[in-house]
């Protein structure tokens, strides 16, 4: 029996159809007005501890396609000794971004913080050498990297 056709992805964010997102309590809200450049799962130990899950789903957008609508005063960052800052809402703890969304050329957004489908599906899995032993990584056909995805 043939498998059903892949569902059509909704349109990517654009200036005409921006995509919004935010934290659980609503203090932080942001808008994406450009298509995502890439999306993937990170299985590193930091993402596991930051999210309390086996992996983190993230998408990257160009900085010019990102705008913070409200809540800058509620954003806090944890900066590990190696790596980039992890930004979260200081009120509810929602993980929102990686890096500096106001200076870096690309903004890494947590896909779970978006209000609707981002118009892209994850394309890869990175840091699989650190994948949680209690959650099997699915055989989903995504490109796999034992460490960071090459840029």
Protein backbone atom coordinates (compact mmCIF):
# COMPACT_ATOMS: atom_id res chain seq x y z
CA UNK A 1 0.00 0.00 0.00
CA UNK A 2 1.52 3.39 -0.96
CA UNK A 3 2.16 5.86 1.80
CA UNK A 4 0.02 8.99 1.93
CA UNK A 5 1.46 12.11 0.30
CA UNK A 6 3.43 14.49 2.49
CA UNK A 7 1.22 17.31 3.69
CA UNK A 8 1.94 20.67 2.13
CA UNK A 9 3.87 23.00 4.38
CA UNK A 10 2.22 26.30 5.19
CA UNK A 11 3.86 29.39 3.77
CA UNK A 12 7.10 30.64 5.25
CA UNK A 13 7.05 33.83 7.32
CA UNK A 14 7.36 37.02 5.28
CA UNK A 15 6.76 40.76 5.78
CA UNK A 16 3.21 40.20 4.47
CA UNK A 17 2.55 37.15 6.67
CA UNK A 18 4.78 37.44 9.73
CA UNK A 19 4.95 34.69 12.32
CA UNK A 20 4.76 35.52 16.01
CA UNK A 21 5.86 33.63 19.06
CA UNK A 22 6.53 34.09 22.71
CA UNK A 23 6.99 32.65 26.14
CA UNK A 24 4.51 30.72 28.25
CA UNK A 25 3.45 33.67 30.44
CA UNK A 26 3.20 36.16 27.53
CA UNK A 27 5.77 38.63 28.86
CA UNK A 28 8.08 38.11 25.85
CA UNK A 29 6.67 38.31 22.31
CA UNK A 30 8.59 38.34 19.03
CA UNK A 31 7.94 38.35 15.31
CA UNK A 32 9.61 36.60 12.37
CA UNK A 33 9.20 38.24 8.95
CA UNK A 34 11.68 36.22 6.87
CA UNK A 35 11.82 32.54 5.93
CA UNK A 36 13.79 30.23 8.21
CA UNK A 37 17.27 29.46 6.84
CA UNK A 38 17.42 26.02 8.46
CA UNK A 39 15.87 23.94 11.21
CA UNK A 40 17.03 20.95 13.17
CA UNK A 41 17.21 19.00 16.39
CA UNK A 42 20.06 19.40 18.85
CA UNK A 43 20.79 16.41 21.10
CA UNK A 44 23.62 17.99 23.11
CA UNK A 45 23.65 17.68 26.89
CA UNK A 46 23.10 21.44 27.32
CA UNK A 47 19.90 21.31 25.27
CA UNK A 48 18.73 18.28 27.22
CA UNK A 49 19.22 20.08 30.52
CA UNK A 50 17.88 23.41 29.26
CA UNK A 51 14.67 21.86 27.96
CA UNK A 52 14.23 18.80 30.16
CA UNK A 53 13.80 16.73 26.99
CA UNK A 54 15.97 14.48 24.81
CA UNK A 55 16.49 17.17 22.14
CA UNK A 56 15.66 20.74 21.23
CA UNK A 57 13.98 21.80 17.96
CA UNK A 58 15.46 25.05 16.65
CA UNK A 59 15.20 27.20 13.55
CA UNK A 60 17.55 29.90 12.29
CA UNK A 61 16.36 33.18 10.76
CA UNK A 62 18.33 36.19 9.51
CA UNK A 63 18.52 38.88 12.20
CA UNK A 64 16.82 41.41 9.91
CA UNK A 65 13.80 39.09 9.84
CA UNK A 66 13.52 39.04 13.66
CA UNK A 67 11.89 41.66 15.87
CA UNK A 68 11.29 41.63 19.60
CA UNK A 69 7.78 43.02 20.14
CA UNK A 70 7.80 43.15 23.94
CA UNK A 71 9.55 41.87 27.03
CA UNK A 72 13.21 42.80 26.61
CA UNK A 73 13.29 43.50 30.36
CA UNK A 74 12.12 39.93 31.02
CA UNK A 75 14.86 38.29 28.95
CA UNK A 76 17.76 36.72 30.81
CA UNK A 77 20.71 34.78 29.47
CA UNK A 78 22.76 31.89 30.70
CA UNK A 79 26.17 31.94 29.05
CA UNK A 80 28.09 28.68 29.42
CA UNK A 81 31.90 28.71 29.65
CA UNK A 82 31.99 27.50 26.04
CA UNK A 83 29.20 28.13 23.59
CA UNK A 84 26.67 30.89 23.07
CA UNK A 85 24.16 32.53 25.43
CA UNK A 86 20.81 30.80 25.96
CA UNK A 87 18.00 33.35 26.40
CA UNK A 88 14.88 32.65 28.42
CA UNK A 89 11.98 34.49 30.07
CA UNK A 90 12.84 35.37 33.66
CA UNK A 91 9.16 35.15 34.65
CA UNK A 92 8.17 31.70 33.36
CA UNK A 93 11.49 30.13 32.33
CA UNK A 94 10.55 29.52 28.68
CA UNK A 95 13.60 28.85 26.50
CA UNK A 96 13.40 31.22 23.52
CA UNK A 97 16.67 31.93 21.66
CA UNK A 98 20.37 31.09 21.43
CA UNK A 99 23.10 33.59 20.77
CA UNK A 100 22.45 37.32 20.73
CA UNK A 101 19.24 38.02 18.80
CA UNK A 102 20.14 41.73 18.64
CA UNK A 103 23.69 41.44 17.24
CA UNK A 104 24.33 38.02 15.68
CA UNK A 105 23.74 37.67 11.91
CA UNK A 106 21.26 34.85 12.55
CA UNK A 107 18.81 34.23 15.39
CA UNK A 108 18.31 30.67 16.68
CA UNK A 109 14.67 30.41 17.74
CA UNK A 110 13.12 27.54 19.72
CA UNK A 111 10.44 26.17 17.41
CA UNK A 112 8.20 25.36 20.38
CA UNK A 113 7.92 29.09 21.13
CA UNK A 114 6.16 29.82 17.81
CA UNK A 115 2.42 30.47 17.51
CA UNK A 116 2.01 28.44 14.29
CA UNK A 117 3.89 26.22 11.86
CA UNK A 118 7.19 27.86 10.83
CA UNK A 119 6.95 26.81 7.17
CA UNK A 120 9.98 24.53 7.54
CA UNK A 121 10.55 21.09 9.01
CA UNK A 122 13.72 20.01 10.80
CA UNK A 123 16.36 18.93 8.28
CA UNK A 124 19.06 17.46 10.52
CA UNK A 125 20.00 16.09 13.93
CA UNK A 126 23.23 17.26 15.56
CA UNK A 127 25.28 16.15 18.59
CA UNK A 128 23.98 12.60 18.25
CA UNK A 129 27.07 11.33 20.11
CA UNK A 130 25.41 12.87 23.20
CA UNK A 131 21.85 11.68 22.56
CA UNK A 132 19.93 10.72 25.69
CA UNK A 133 20.15 6.93 26.17
CA UNK A 134 16.56 6.82 27.46
CA UNK A 135 15.05 8.25 24.25
CA UNK A 136 15.80 6.38 21.02
CA UNK A 137 16.55 8.65 18.08
CA UNK A 138 13.99 7.88 15.36
CA UNK A 139 14.99 6.64 11.92
CA UNK A 140 13.41 9.65 10.21
CA UNK A 141 15.72 10.16 7.26
CA UNK A 142 17.15 13.45 8.58
CA UNK A 143 20.85 14.12 8.05
CA UNK A 144 22.79 13.11 11.17
CA UNK A 145 25.90 14.60 12.73
CA UNK A 146 27.76 13.15 15.74
CA UNK A 147 28.80 16.69 16.75
CA UNK A 148 27.84 20.14 15.51
CA UNK A 149 26.36 20.53 12.06
CA UNK A 150 29.02 21.91 9.71
CA UNK A 151 28.39 25.48 8.62
